[in-house]
Amino acid sequence: MSGGGVRAGKCGGVWGSVGKCGEVMKTCTKCKKLLNNVQFQNSSTTKDRKSNHCKDCLLQYRRKKNTLINQIYGHQREKSKRRNHKLPDYTLEELKLWLKLTNFDNLYTEWVNSNFNKDLVPSLDRLNDYKPYTLGNIHVTTWKDNNIKGYKDRKNGVNNKLSKAVKQLTQNGEVLNTFPSLSEASRKTNTSISNISRACNNGGTSCGFRWEFN
C-alpha cells in the first residue's frame, strides 16, 4: 500500500481488492472503506493529492454543530479583514457561550430534521452592516432569512454598499426623488434600468426626467 491507502495494481494502474484494472482506490482513514479515488477531494497537503477522509465523511463532519460554529466564526474573521473592519470583539469560546443563550440549538435541530436543507442552515447576521461583528451587533437567523434581509436592505436603501443611489430630477435640475438603487428607481417610475443608467452615465434624460447618481 502507498500514498495514504492507495493500492498498487497490475497493467500499469493501481487498484484495490474490489477495484478493476486501471482504477485508483484509496482507504478512508475515518470510515475505513476502500473507495474509488473520485470519492476523495483534492488536497495539496497529502502525498497522493487526495484528502484522507472521503467526501461523505467530510460532509458529515462539516454538518456537526461545533464544526458549523467554527466555520461561522472563521468566515466572520475573514470578512472583517476584507472590509477593513475590526476583528470580532469576542473569541470563539465566547461566541459558543453566547449562542447557548439564543435559539441557535433549535435552528440547528430543525436544519438536521430537514435533511440539511440549505435554506435552514443556522447563520449569524449583523444588525448594522456598517459596523463590525460584536455580540451586540449580531443575531441568529437562517441562511434563507439572511439572504432575504440582505435583499430588502439593498432595495430599501438600508444597505447601499452594493448599489448606487439615484436621483430623479426635472429638466431644470429640481430633485424630485432619490432612490437607493437603479432597480428601485426602475420599479417606482416604470422606467427601464438601462435607460436610467444611460442617462446617469451620459448626462441625458429618460421619460422626460434627468437622472444622476447620488
N, C-alpha and C. Protein backbone atom coordinates (compact mmCIF):
# COMPACT_ATOMS: atom_id res chain seq x y z
N MET A 1 0.85 -1.19 0.00
CA MET A 1 0.00 0.00 0.00
C MET A 1 0.89 1.24 0.00
N SER A 2 0.49 2.29 -0.72
CA SER A 2 1.28 3.52 -0.79
C SER A 2 0.36 4.70 -0.93
N GLY A 3 0.91 5.91 -0.72
CA GLY A 3 0.13 7.13 -0.96
C GLY A 3 -1.09 7.24 -0.09
N GLY A 4 -0.97 6.90 1.21
CA GLY A 4 -2.09 7.08 2.13
C GLY A 4 -3.26 6.17 1.82
N GLY A 5 -3.01 4.91 1.49
CA GLY A 5 -4.12 3.98 1.29
C GLY A 5 -4.33 3.57 -0.15
N VAL A 6 -3.54 4.09 -1.10
CA VAL A 6 -3.67 3.69 -2.49
C VAL A 6 -2.96 2.36 -2.70
N ARG A 7 -3.62 1.42 -3.35
CA ARG A 7 -3.05 0.09 -3.55
C ARG A 7 -2.54 -0.06 -4.98
N ALA A 8 -1.32 -0.53 -5.11
CA ALA A 8 -0.73 -0.72 -6.44
C ALA A 8 -1.36 -1.93 -7.11
N GLY A 9 -1.58 -1.83 -8.42
CA GLY A 9 -2.21 -2.93 -9.16
C GLY A 9 -1.43 -3.30 -10.41
N LYS A 10 -2.08 -4.06 -11.26
CA LYS A 10 -1.46 -4.52 -12.49
C LYS A 10 -1.73 -3.55 -13.63
N CYS A 11 -1.22 -3.88 -14.82
CA CYS A 11 -1.49 -3.16 -16.07
C CYS A 11 -1.07 -1.69 -15.99
N GLY A 12 -0.11 -1.41 -15.13
CA GLY A 12 0.35 -0.02 -15.01
C GLY A 12 -0.59 0.85 -14.22
N GLY A 13 -1.71 0.29 -13.74
CA GLY A 13 -2.66 1.08 -12.96
C GLY A 13 -2.53 0.78 -11.49
N VAL A 14 -3.44 1.31 -10.71
CA VAL A 14 -3.49 0.99 -9.29
C VAL A 14 -4.90 0.61 -8.95
N TRP A 15 -5.05 -0.34 -8.05
CA TRP A 15 -6.38 -0.82 -7.74
C TRP A 15 -6.39 -1.48 -6.38
N GLY A 16 -7.57 -1.66 -5.82
CA GLY A 16 -7.73 -2.34 -4.55
C GLY A 16 -8.38 -3.68 -4.78
N SER A 17 -8.69 -4.34 -3.69
CA SER A 17 -9.24 -5.69 -3.80
C SER A 17 -10.60 -5.70 -4.48
N VAL A 18 -11.32 -4.57 -4.47
CA VAL A 18 -12.62 -4.53 -5.11
C VAL A 18 -12.59 -3.68 -6.38
N GLY A 19 -11.41 -3.24 -6.77
CA GLY A 19 -11.31 -2.37 -7.93
C GLY A 19 -10.98 -3.12 -9.20
N LYS A 20 -11.17 -2.45 -10.30
CA LYS A 20 -10.83 -3.03 -11.59
C LYS A 20 -9.49 -2.49 -12.04
N CYS A 21 -8.95 -3.13 -13.05
CA CYS A 21 -7.65 -2.71 -13.56
C CYS A 21 -7.71 -1.27 -14.05
N GLY A 22 -6.77 -0.45 -13.61
CA GLY A 22 -6.74 0.94 -14.02
C GLY A 22 -7.43 1.87 -13.05
N GLU A 23 -8.25 1.34 -12.14
CA GLU A 23 -8.91 2.19 -11.16
C GLU A 23 -7.95 2.54 -10.02
N VAL A 24 -8.11 3.75 -9.48
CA VAL A 24 -7.32 4.16 -8.33
C VAL A 24 -8.21 4.07 -7.09
N MET A 25 -7.76 3.31 -6.12
CA MET A 25 -8.54 3.09 -4.91
C MET A 25 -7.81 3.68 -3.71
N LYS A 26 -8.58 4.07 -2.71
CA LYS A 26 -7.98 4.67 -1.52
C LYS A 26 -8.86 4.32 -0.32
N THR A 27 -8.24 4.10 0.82
CA THR A 27 -8.97 3.77 2.04
C THR A 27 -9.19 5.04 2.86
N CYS A 28 -10.42 5.32 3.19
CA CYS A 28 -10.75 6.48 4.02
C CYS A 28 -10.26 6.21 5.44
N THR A 29 -9.53 7.15 6.01
CA THR A 29 -8.99 6.95 7.36
C THR A 29 -10.05 7.14 8.43
N LYS A 30 -11.24 7.60 8.04
CA LYS A 30 -12.33 7.79 9.00
C LYS A 30 -13.26 6.57 9.04
N CYS A 31 -13.88 6.27 7.89
CA CYS A 31 -14.83 5.16 7.85
C CYS A 31 -14.18 3.82 7.49
N LYS A 32 -12.89 3.88 7.07
CA LYS A 32 -12.10 2.69 6.75
C LYS A 32 -12.57 1.97 5.48
N LYS A 33 -13.41 2.60 4.70
CA LYS A 33 -13.90 1.97 3.47
C LYS A 33 -12.88 2.16 2.35
N LEU A 34 -12.76 1.15 1.51
CA LEU A 34 -11.91 1.23 0.32
C LEU A 34 -12.78 1.75 -0.81
N LEU A 35 -12.45 2.95 -1.30
CA LEU A 35 -13.31 3.63 -2.25
C LEU A 35 -12.53 4.08 -3.48
N ASN A 36 -13.27 4.33 -4.56
CA ASN A 36 -12.66 4.88 -5.76
C ASN A 36 -12.09 6.27 -5.44
N ASN A 37 -10.99 6.60 -6.07
CA ASN A 37 -10.28 7.85 -5.79
C ASN A 37 -11.16 9.09 -6.00
N VAL A 38 -12.18 8.97 -6.85
CA VAL A 38 -13.03 10.13 -7.12
C VAL A 38 -13.89 10.47 -5.91
N GLN A 39 -13.96 9.56 -4.93
CA GLN A 39 -14.75 9.81 -3.72
C GLN A 39 -13.98 10.63 -2.69
N PHE A 40 -12.81 11.15 -3.09
CA PHE A 40 -11.98 11.97 -2.20
C PHE A 40 -11.72 13.32 -2.85
N GLN A 41 -11.77 14.36 -2.05
CA GLN A 41 -11.49 15.70 -2.57
C GLN A 41 -10.00 15.86 -2.81
N ASN A 42 -9.66 16.77 -3.73
CA ASN A 42 -8.26 17.07 -3.98
C ASN A 42 -7.66 17.78 -2.76
N SER A 43 -6.40 17.54 -2.53
CA SER A 43 -5.71 18.14 -1.39
C SER A 43 -4.26 18.41 -1.77
N SER A 44 -3.76 19.56 -1.35
CA SER A 44 -2.36 19.91 -1.64
C SER A 44 -1.44 19.50 -0.50
N THR A 45 -1.99 18.92 0.56
CA THR A 45 -1.19 18.61 1.74
C THR A 45 -0.90 17.12 1.90
N THR A 46 -1.44 16.29 1.02
CA THR A 46 -1.19 14.86 1.12
C THR A 46 -0.32 14.39 -0.04
N LYS A 47 0.34 13.25 0.17
CA LYS A 47 1.28 12.74 -0.82
C LYS A 47 0.59 12.39 -2.13
N ASP A 48 -0.62 11.84 -2.05
CA ASP A 48 -1.32 11.44 -3.28
C ASP A 48 -2.27 12.52 -3.79
N ARG A 49 -2.21 13.72 -3.17
CA ARG A 49 -3.03 14.87 -3.60
C ARG A 49 -4.52 14.63 -3.42
N LYS A 50 -4.88 13.73 -2.52
CA LYS A 50 -6.26 13.48 -2.18
C LYS A 50 -6.42 13.53 -0.67
N SER A 51 -7.57 14.04 -0.21
CA SER A 51 -7.81 14.11 1.23
C SER A 51 -7.83 12.71 1.83
N ASN A 52 -7.53 12.60 3.10
CA ASN A 52 -7.51 11.30 3.75
C ASN A 52 -8.90 10.82 4.13
N HIS A 53 -9.86 11.75 4.27
CA HIS A 53 -11.25 11.38 4.55
C HIS A 53 -12.05 11.46 3.25
N CYS A 54 -12.96 10.54 3.05
CA CYS A 54 -13.79 10.55 1.84
C CYS A 54 -14.79 11.71 1.91
N LYS A 55 -15.42 12.00 0.79
CA LYS A 55 -16.35 13.13 0.71
C LYS A 55 -17.52 12.98 1.68
N ASP A 56 -18.03 11.76 1.83
CA ASP A 56 -19.16 11.55 2.73
C ASP A 56 -18.76 11.84 4.18
N CYS A 57 -17.59 11.40 4.58
CA CYS A 57 -17.14 11.64 5.95
C CYS A 57 -16.88 13.13 6.18
N LEU A 58 -16.30 13.80 5.17
CA LEU A 58 -16.08 15.24 5.29
C LEU A 58 -17.39 15.99 5.42
N LEU A 59 -18.39 15.55 4.66
CA LEU A 59 -19.69 16.21 4.71
C LEU A 59 -20.33 16.03 6.08
N GLN A 60 -20.25 14.84 6.63
CA GLN A 60 -20.79 14.59 7.96
C GLN A 60 -20.09 15.45 9.01
N TYR A 61 -18.78 15.60 8.85
CA TYR A 61 -18.01 16.41 9.79
C TYR A 61 -18.42 17.88 9.71
N ARG A 62 -18.61 18.40 8.49
CA ARG A 62 -18.96 19.80 8.32
C ARG A 62 -20.36 20.11 8.82
N ARG A 63 -21.21 19.09 8.91
CA ARG A 63 -22.58 19.30 9.37
C ARG A 63 -22.70 19.24 10.88
N LYS A 64 -21.62 18.91 11.58
CA LYS A 64 -21.68 18.87 13.03
C LYS A 64 -21.82 20.29 13.57
N LYS A 65 -22.52 20.42 14.69
CA LYS A 65 -22.80 21.74 15.25
C LYS A 65 -21.51 22.51 15.56
N ASN A 66 -20.57 21.84 16.19
CA ASN A 66 -19.33 22.52 16.57
C ASN A 66 -18.55 22.97 15.35
N THR A 67 -18.53 22.12 14.31
CA THR A 67 -17.83 22.48 13.08
C THR A 67 -18.50 23.69 12.42
N LEU A 68 -19.83 23.71 12.41
CA LEU A 68 -20.57 24.82 11.81
C LEU A 68 -20.25 26.13 12.51
N ILE A 69 -20.20 26.10 13.84
CA ILE A 69 -19.88 27.31 14.60
C ILE A 69 -18.46 27.77 14.30
N ASN A 70 -17.54 26.82 14.23
CA ASN A 70 -16.15 27.16 13.90
C ASN A 70 -16.06 27.82 12.53
N GLN A 71 -16.82 27.30 11.56
CA GLN A 71 -16.80 27.87 10.21
C GLN A 71 -17.39 29.28 10.21
N ILE A 72 -18.49 29.47 10.94
CA ILE A 72 -19.12 30.79 11.01
C ILE A 72 -18.13 31.81 11.58
N TYR A 73 -17.46 31.42 12.65
CA TYR A 73 -16.50 32.34 13.28
C TYR A 73 -15.33 32.64 12.34
N GLY A 74 -14.85 31.60 11.65
CA GLY A 74 -13.76 31.82 10.70
C GLY A 74 -14.15 32.75 9.57
N HIS A 75 -15.38 32.59 9.06
CA HIS A 75 -15.86 33.47 8.00
C HIS A 75 -16.00 34.91 8.50
N GLN A 76 -16.41 35.08 9.75
CA GLN A 76 -16.54 36.42 10.31
C GLN A 76 -15.18 37.12 10.33
N ARG A 77 -14.16 36.41 10.71
CA ARG A 77 -12.81 36.99 10.76
C ARG A 77 -12.31 37.33 9.35
N GLU A 78 -12.56 36.42 8.39
CA GLU A 78 -12.12 36.67 7.01
C GLU A 78 -12.84 37.89 6.42
N LYS A 79 -14.16 37.96 6.63
CA LYS A 79 -14.94 39.09 6.10
C LYS A 79 -14.52 40.39 6.75
N SER A 80 -14.21 40.36 8.03
CA SER A 80 -13.78 41.57 8.73
C SER A 80 -12.50 42.12 8.12
N LYS A 81 -11.57 41.23 7.79
CA LYS A 81 -10.31 41.66 7.18
C LYS A 81 -10.55 42.26 5.80
N ARG A 82 -11.43 41.64 5.00
CA ARG A 82 -11.71 42.14 3.66
C ARG A 82 -12.38 43.52 3.70
N ARG A 83 -13.20 43.74 4.72
CA ARG A 83 -13.92 45.01 4.83
C ARG A 83 -13.12 46.09 5.56
N ASN A 84 -11.91 45.72 6.01
CA ASN A 84 -11.09 46.63 6.81
C ASN A 84 -11.81 47.01 8.11
N HIS A 85 -12.60 46.06 8.63
CA HIS A 85 -13.25 46.24 9.92
C HIS A 85 -12.37 45.65 11.02
N LYS A 86 -12.67 46.01 12.24
CA LYS A 86 -12.02 45.36 13.37
C LYS A 86 -12.47 43.90 13.40
N LEU A 87 -11.60 43.04 13.91
CA LEU A 87 -11.97 41.63 14.05
C LEU A 87 -13.07 41.51 15.10
N PRO A 88 -13.84 40.41 15.08
CA PRO A 88 -14.88 40.24 16.11
C PRO A 88 -14.31 40.49 17.50
N ASP A 89 -15.09 41.17 18.34
CA ASP A 89 -14.59 41.52 19.68
C ASP A 89 -14.83 40.39 20.68
N TYR A 90 -15.05 39.18 20.16
CA TYR A 90 -15.25 38.02 21.02
C TYR A 90 -14.42 36.86 20.48
N THR A 91 -14.06 35.97 21.38
CA THR A 91 -13.32 34.78 20.98
C THR A 91 -14.30 33.70 20.52
N LEU A 92 -13.77 32.63 19.97
CA LEU A 92 -14.62 31.52 19.55
C LEU A 92 -15.37 30.93 20.74
N GLU A 93 -14.68 30.78 21.85
CA GLU A 93 -15.33 30.21 23.03
C GLU A 93 -16.41 31.14 23.57
N GLU A 94 -16.18 32.44 23.53
CA GLU A 94 -17.20 33.39 23.98
C GLU A 94 -18.42 33.35 23.06
N LEU A 95 -18.18 33.16 21.77
CA LEU A 95 -19.30 33.05 20.83
C LEU A 95 -20.13 31.80 21.14
N LYS A 96 -19.47 30.69 21.42
CA LYS A 96 -20.19 29.46 21.72
C LYS A 96 -21.04 29.61 22.98
N LEU A 97 -20.51 30.29 23.98
CA LEU A 97 -21.28 30.52 25.20
C LEU A 97 -22.48 31.42 24.92
N TRP A 98 -22.28 32.43 24.09
CA TRP A 98 -23.37 33.35 23.74
C TRP A 98 -24.47 32.63 22.96
N LEU A 99 -24.08 31.73 22.07
CA LEU A 99 -25.06 31.01 21.26
C LEU A 99 -25.97 30.13 22.11
N LYS A 100 -25.48 29.68 23.25
CA LYS A 100 -26.30 28.86 24.14
C LYS A 100 -27.48 29.65 24.72
N LEU A 101 -27.37 30.98 24.68
CA LEU A 101 -28.43 31.83 25.21
C LEU A 101 -29.44 32.22 24.12
N THR A 102 -29.22 31.73 22.91
CA THR A 102 -30.08 32.08 21.78
C THR A 102 -30.85 30.84 21.30
N ASN A 103 -31.52 30.97 20.18
CA ASN A 103 -32.26 29.84 19.60
C ASN A 103 -31.42 29.07 18.58
N PHE A 104 -30.09 29.20 18.65
CA PHE A 104 -29.22 28.54 17.70
C PHE A 104 -29.41 27.02 17.72
N ASP A 105 -29.47 26.43 18.92
CA ASP A 105 -29.63 24.98 19.02
C ASP A 105 -30.93 24.51 18.37
N ASN A 106 -32.00 25.29 18.55
CA ASN A 106 -33.29 24.92 17.94
C ASN A 106 -33.21 24.98 16.42
N LEU A 107 -32.58 26.02 15.91
CA LEU A 107 -32.43 26.15 14.46
C LEU A 107 -31.56 25.02 13.91
N TYR A 108 -30.53 24.66 14.65
CA TYR A 108 -29.66 23.56 14.19
C TYR A 108 -30.44 22.26 14.13
N THR A 109 -31.27 22.00 15.14
CA THR A 109 -32.08 20.78 15.15
C THR A 109 -33.06 20.76 13.98
N GLU A 110 -33.67 21.91 13.70
CA GLU A 110 -34.60 22.00 12.56
C GLU A 110 -33.86 21.74 11.25
N TRP A 111 -32.65 22.22 11.15
CA TRP A 111 -31.84 22.00 9.94
C TRP A 111 -31.54 20.51 9.76
N VAL A 112 -31.16 19.85 10.84
CA VAL A 112 -30.87 18.41 10.78
C VAL A 112 -32.13 17.63 10.41
N ASN A 113 -33.25 17.98 11.03
CA ASN A 113 -34.51 17.27 10.75
C ASN A 113 -35.02 17.51 9.34
N SER A 114 -34.58 18.58 8.70
CA SER A 114 -34.99 18.87 7.32
C SER A 114 -34.12 18.15 6.30
N ASN A 115 -33.24 17.26 6.80
CA ASN A 115 -32.27 16.58 5.94
C ASN A 115 -31.29 17.59 5.35
N PHE A 116 -30.93 18.58 6.18
CA PHE A 116 -29.91 19.56 5.86
C PHE A 116 -30.28 20.44 4.67
N ASN A 117 -31.51 20.93 4.70
CA ASN A 117 -31.97 21.88 3.69
C ASN A 117 -31.12 23.15 3.77
N LYS A 118 -30.54 23.56 2.67
CA LYS A 118 -29.64 24.71 2.65
C LYS A 118 -30.31 25.96 3.18
N ASP A 119 -31.59 26.15 2.89
CA ASP A 119 -32.30 27.35 3.34
C ASP A 119 -32.34 27.47 4.85
N LEU A 120 -32.23 26.35 5.55
CA LEU A 120 -32.40 26.35 7.01
C LEU A 120 -31.09 26.28 7.78
N VAL A 121 -29.97 26.42 7.08
CA VAL A 121 -28.69 26.40 7.78
C VAL A 121 -28.64 27.56 8.78
N PRO A 122 -28.34 27.31 10.05
CA PRO A 122 -28.21 28.41 11.01
C PRO A 122 -27.11 29.38 10.59
N SER A 123 -27.37 30.65 10.80
CA SER A 123 -26.44 31.69 10.36
C SER A 123 -26.43 32.82 11.36
N LEU A 124 -25.41 33.65 11.31
CA LEU A 124 -25.33 34.84 12.14
C LEU A 124 -25.26 36.06 11.23
N ASP A 125 -26.08 37.03 11.51
CA ASP A 125 -26.16 38.23 10.69
C ASP A 125 -25.91 39.46 11.55
N ARG A 126 -25.28 40.47 10.96
CA ARG A 126 -25.09 41.73 11.69
C ARG A 126 -26.37 42.56 11.64
N LEU A 127 -26.71 43.17 12.73
CA LEU A 127 -27.88 44.05 12.78
C LEU A 127 -27.62 45.31 11.97
N ASN A 128 -26.41 45.84 12.07
CA ASN A 128 -25.99 47.01 11.30
C ASN A 128 -24.82 46.60 10.44
N ASP A 129 -25.03 46.53 9.12
CA ASP A 129 -24.00 46.04 8.20
C ASP A 129 -22.80 46.97 8.09
N TYR A 130 -22.91 48.18 8.61
CA TYR A 130 -21.80 49.12 8.52
C TYR A 130 -20.90 49.07 9.75
N LYS A 131 -21.27 48.24 10.73
CA LYS A 131 -20.48 48.11 11.95
C LYS A 131 -19.87 46.72 12.02
N PRO A 132 -18.77 46.56 12.75
CA PRO A 132 -18.11 45.24 12.82
C PRO A 132 -18.90 44.24 13.67
N TYR A 133 -18.37 43.02 13.71
CA TYR A 133 -19.00 41.96 14.49
C TYR A 133 -18.76 42.18 15.98
N THR A 134 -19.83 42.36 16.72
CA THR A 134 -19.80 42.39 18.18
C THR A 134 -21.02 41.59 18.66
N LEU A 135 -20.99 41.16 19.90
CA LEU A 135 -22.12 40.39 20.42
C LEU A 135 -23.39 41.23 20.46
N GLY A 136 -23.23 42.55 20.48
CA GLY A 136 -24.39 43.43 20.47
C GLY A 136 -24.87 43.77 19.07
N ASN A 137 -24.13 43.31 18.05
CA ASN A 137 -24.47 43.65 16.67
C ASN A 137 -24.69 42.41 15.81
N ILE A 138 -24.98 41.28 16.43
CA ILE A 138 -25.27 40.07 15.68
C ILE A 138 -26.54 39.42 16.22
N HIS A 139 -27.18 38.66 15.38
CA HIS A 139 -28.33 37.88 15.82
C HIS A 139 -28.37 36.58 15.03
N VAL A 140 -29.05 35.58 15.59
CA VAL A 140 -29.13 34.27 14.97
C VAL A 140 -30.29 34.25 13.98
N THR A 141 -30.03 33.66 12.81
CA THR A 141 -31.05 33.57 11.77
C THR A 141 -30.76 32.33 10.94
N THR A 142 -31.41 32.20 9.80
CA THR A 142 -31.12 31.10 8.88
C THR A 142 -30.52 31.68 7.60
N TRP A 143 -29.93 30.80 6.80
CA TRP A 143 -29.32 31.23 5.54
C TRP A 143 -30.35 31.94 4.67
N LYS A 144 -31.55 31.38 4.56
CA LYS A 144 -32.59 31.97 3.72
C LYS A 144 -33.02 33.34 4.23
N ASP A 145 -33.31 33.44 5.51
CA ASP A 145 -33.76 34.72 6.08
C ASP A 145 -32.67 35.77 5.99
N ASN A 146 -31.42 35.34 6.12
CA ASN A 146 -30.30 36.27 6.00
C ASN A 146 -30.24 36.85 4.59
N ASN A 147 -30.42 35.99 3.59
CA ASN A 147 -30.41 36.46 2.20
C ASN A 147 -31.57 37.39 1.90
N ILE A 148 -32.76 37.05 2.42
CA ILE A 148 -33.94 37.88 2.20
C ILE A 148 -33.73 39.27 2.82
N LYS A 149 -33.20 39.29 4.03
CA LYS A 149 -32.95 40.57 4.70
C LYS A 149 -31.95 41.41 3.90
N GLY A 150 -30.89 40.75 3.39
CA GLY A 150 -29.90 41.48 2.60
C GLY A 150 -30.52 42.11 1.37
N TYR A 151 -31.40 41.35 0.71
CA TYR A 151 -32.07 41.88 -0.49
C TYR A 151 -32.96 43.07 -0.13
N LYS A 152 -33.75 42.92 0.94
CA LYS A 152 -34.65 44.01 1.34
C LYS A 152 -33.87 45.25 1.76
N ASP A 153 -32.77 45.05 2.47
CA ASP A 153 -31.96 46.20 2.91
C ASP A 153 -31.40 46.96 1.72
N ARG A 154 -30.97 46.24 0.68
CA ARG A 154 -30.46 46.92 -0.51
C ARG A 154 -31.59 47.62 -1.26
N LYS A 155 -32.74 46.94 -1.33
CA LYS A 155 -33.88 47.51 -2.03
C LYS A 155 -34.39 48.77 -1.36
N ASN A 156 -34.40 48.78 -0.01
CA ASN A 156 -34.95 49.90 0.74
C ASN A 156 -33.91 50.95 1.11
N GLY A 157 -32.68 50.75 0.66
CA GLY A 157 -31.66 51.76 0.91
C GLY A 157 -31.01 51.67 2.27
N VAL A 158 -31.31 50.60 3.03
CA VAL A 158 -30.67 50.42 4.34
C VAL A 158 -29.21 50.06 4.16
N ASN A 159 -28.91 49.30 3.13
CA ASN A 159 -27.55 48.90 2.82
C ASN A 159 -27.26 49.25 1.37
N ASN A 160 -26.44 50.27 1.17
CA ASN A 160 -26.12 50.72 -0.19
C ASN A 160 -24.70 50.37 -0.61
N LYS A 161 -24.08 49.40 0.10
CA LYS A 161 -22.70 49.08 -0.21
C LYS A 161 -22.55 48.47 -1.59
N LEU A 162 -23.59 47.80 -2.09
CA LEU A 162 -23.53 47.17 -3.41
C LEU A 162 -24.31 47.94 -4.46
N SER A 163 -24.94 49.07 -4.07
CA SER A 163 -25.77 49.81 -5.00
C SER A 163 -25.45 51.30 -4.93
N LYS A 164 -25.72 52.00 -6.02
CA LYS A 164 -25.57 53.45 -6.05
C LYS A 164 -26.95 54.09 -5.99
N ALA A 165 -27.08 55.08 -5.11
CA ALA A 165 -28.34 55.81 -5.03
C ALA A 165 -28.52 56.64 -6.30
N VAL A 166 -29.78 56.83 -6.71
CA VAL A 166 -30.10 57.53 -7.95
C VAL A 166 -31.08 58.67 -7.67
N LYS A 167 -30.82 59.83 -8.27
CA LYS A 167 -31.71 60.97 -8.14
C LYS A 167 -32.51 61.18 -9.42
N GLN A 168 -33.80 61.46 -9.26
CA GLN A 168 -34.67 61.81 -10.37
C GLN A 168 -34.90 63.32 -10.31
N LEU A 169 -34.60 64.01 -11.42
CA LEU A 169 -34.68 65.47 -11.44
C LEU A 169 -35.55 65.96 -12.60
N THR A 170 -36.08 67.17 -12.44
CA THR A 170 -36.78 67.82 -13.55
C THR A 170 -35.75 68.30 -14.55
N GLN A 171 -36.23 68.79 -15.68
CA GLN A 171 -35.32 69.33 -16.70
C GLN A 171 -34.53 70.52 -16.16
N ASN A 172 -35.10 71.21 -15.16
CA ASN A 172 -34.45 72.39 -14.58
C ASN A 172 -33.51 72.03 -13.42
N GLY A 173 -33.40 70.77 -13.12
CA GLY A 173 -32.47 70.35 -12.07
C GLY A 173 -33.06 70.22 -10.69
N GLU A 174 -34.39 70.33 -10.56
CA GLU A 174 -35.02 70.19 -9.26
C GLU A 174 -35.14 68.69 -8.92
N VAL A 175 -34.65 68.32 -7.73
CA VAL A 175 -34.68 66.92 -7.32
C VAL A 175 -36.10 66.52 -6.93
N LEU A 176 -36.63 65.51 -7.58
CA LEU A 176 -37.98 65.05 -7.28
C LEU A 176 -37.97 63.85 -6.33
N ASN A 177 -37.05 62.92 -6.58
CA ASN A 177 -36.97 61.71 -5.76
C ASN A 177 -35.53 61.22 -5.71
N THR A 178 -35.22 60.52 -4.64
CA THR A 178 -33.94 59.84 -4.52
C THR A 178 -34.23 58.38 -4.21
N PHE A 179 -33.65 57.48 -5.01
CA PHE A 179 -33.89 56.05 -4.85
C PHE A 179 -32.59 55.36 -4.44
N PRO A 180 -32.67 54.32 -3.61
CA PRO A 180 -31.45 53.65 -3.13
C PRO A 180 -30.68 52.88 -4.19
N SER A 181 -31.32 52.59 -5.33
CA SER A 181 -30.64 51.82 -6.36
C SER A 181 -31.33 52.03 -7.71
N LEU A 182 -30.65 51.62 -8.77
CA LEU A 182 -31.24 51.67 -10.10
C LEU A 182 -32.49 50.80 -10.18
N SER A 183 -32.43 49.63 -9.54
CA SER A 183 -33.58 48.72 -9.58
C SER A 183 -34.81 49.34 -8.94
N GLU A 184 -34.61 50.01 -7.81
CA GLU A 184 -35.75 50.62 -7.12
C GLU A 184 -36.29 51.79 -7.93
N ALA A 185 -35.42 52.58 -8.55
CA ALA A 185 -35.86 53.69 -9.39
C ALA A 185 -36.68 53.17 -10.56
N SER A 186 -36.25 52.06 -11.13
CA SER A 186 -36.97 51.46 -12.25
C SER A 186 -38.35 50.98 -11.82
N ARG A 187 -38.42 50.33 -10.66
CA ARG A 187 -39.71 49.82 -10.19
C ARG A 187 -40.69 50.95 -9.87
N LYS A 188 -40.20 51.98 -9.23
CA LYS A 188 -41.08 53.06 -8.77
C LYS A 188 -41.56 53.96 -9.91
N THR A 189 -40.77 54.08 -10.97
CA THR A 189 -41.12 55.01 -12.05
C THR A 189 -41.51 54.30 -13.34
N ASN A 190 -41.46 52.96 -13.31
CA ASN A 190 -41.80 52.19 -14.51
C ASN A 190 -40.92 52.58 -15.70
N THR A 191 -39.64 52.79 -15.40
CA THR A 191 -38.66 53.16 -16.43
C THR A 191 -37.59 52.07 -16.47
N SER A 192 -37.11 51.72 -17.64
CA SER A 192 -36.14 50.64 -17.73
C SER A 192 -34.83 51.01 -17.05
N ILE A 193 -34.21 50.01 -16.45
CA ILE A 193 -32.93 50.23 -15.76
C ILE A 193 -31.87 50.74 -16.73
N SER A 194 -31.84 50.18 -17.93
CA SER A 194 -30.81 50.58 -18.90
C SER A 194 -30.95 52.04 -19.29
N ASN A 195 -32.19 52.53 -19.44
CA ASN A 195 -32.39 53.93 -19.80
C ASN A 195 -31.96 54.87 -18.68
N ILE A 196 -32.30 54.49 -17.44
CA ILE A 196 -31.89 55.33 -16.31
C ILE A 196 -30.37 55.33 -16.18
N SER A 197 -29.77 54.16 -16.30
CA SER A 197 -28.31 54.05 -16.20
C SER A 197 -27.62 54.87 -17.28
N ARG A 198 -28.17 54.81 -18.51
CA ARG A 198 -27.60 55.57 -19.62
C ARG A 198 -27.68 57.07 -19.36
N ALA A 199 -28.81 57.51 -18.81
CA ALA A 199 -28.98 58.93 -18.50
C ALA A 199 -28.01 59.37 -17.40
N CYS A 200 -27.81 58.50 -16.40
CA CYS A 200 -26.89 58.83 -15.31
C CYS A 200 -25.45 58.93 -15.82
N ASN A 201 -25.08 58.04 -16.68
CA ASN A 201 -23.69 57.99 -17.15
C ASN A 201 -23.39 59.02 -18.24
N ASN A 202 -24.40 59.34 -19.06
CA ASN A 202 -24.17 60.22 -20.21
C ASN A 202 -24.75 61.62 -20.06
N GLY A 203 -25.45 61.85 -18.95
CA GLY A 203 -25.99 63.18 -18.73
C GLY A 203 -27.24 63.48 -19.53
N GLY A 204 -27.91 62.44 -20.05
CA GLY A 204 -29.11 62.66 -20.84
C GLY A 204 -30.36 62.58 -20.00
N THR A 205 -31.47 62.31 -20.67
CA THR A 205 -32.76 62.21 -19.97
C THR A 205 -33.43 60.88 -20.32
N SER A 206 -34.42 60.53 -19.52
CA SER A 206 -35.22 59.35 -19.79
C SER A 206 -36.63 59.62 -19.28
N CYS A 207 -37.62 59.41 -20.15
CA CYS A 207 -39.03 59.64 -19.81
C CYS A 207 -39.27 61.07 -19.34
N GLY A 208 -38.51 61.99 -19.91
CA GLY A 208 -38.72 63.40 -19.60
C GLY A 208 -38.03 63.88 -18.34
N PHE A 209 -37.22 63.04 -17.71
CA PHE A 209 -36.53 63.42 -16.47
C PHE A 209 -35.02 63.28 -16.64
N ARG A 210 -34.31 64.08 -15.87
CA ARG A 210 -32.87 63.90 -15.77
C ARG A 210 -32.59 62.91 -14.64
N TRP A 211 -31.49 62.18 -14.79
CA TRP A 211 -31.13 61.19 -13.78
C TRP A 211 -29.66 61.33 -13.43
N GLU A 212 -29.36 61.23 -12.14
CA GLU A 212 -27.97 61.33 -11.70
C GLU A 212 -27.72 60.35 -10.56
N PHE A 213 -26.51 59.83 -10.52
CA PHE A 213 -26.11 59.04 -9.35
C PHE A 213 -25.90 60.00 -8.18
N ASN A 214 -26.38 59.61 -7.04
CA ASN A 214 -26.28 60.49 -5.87
C ASN A 214 -24.88 60.52 -5.30
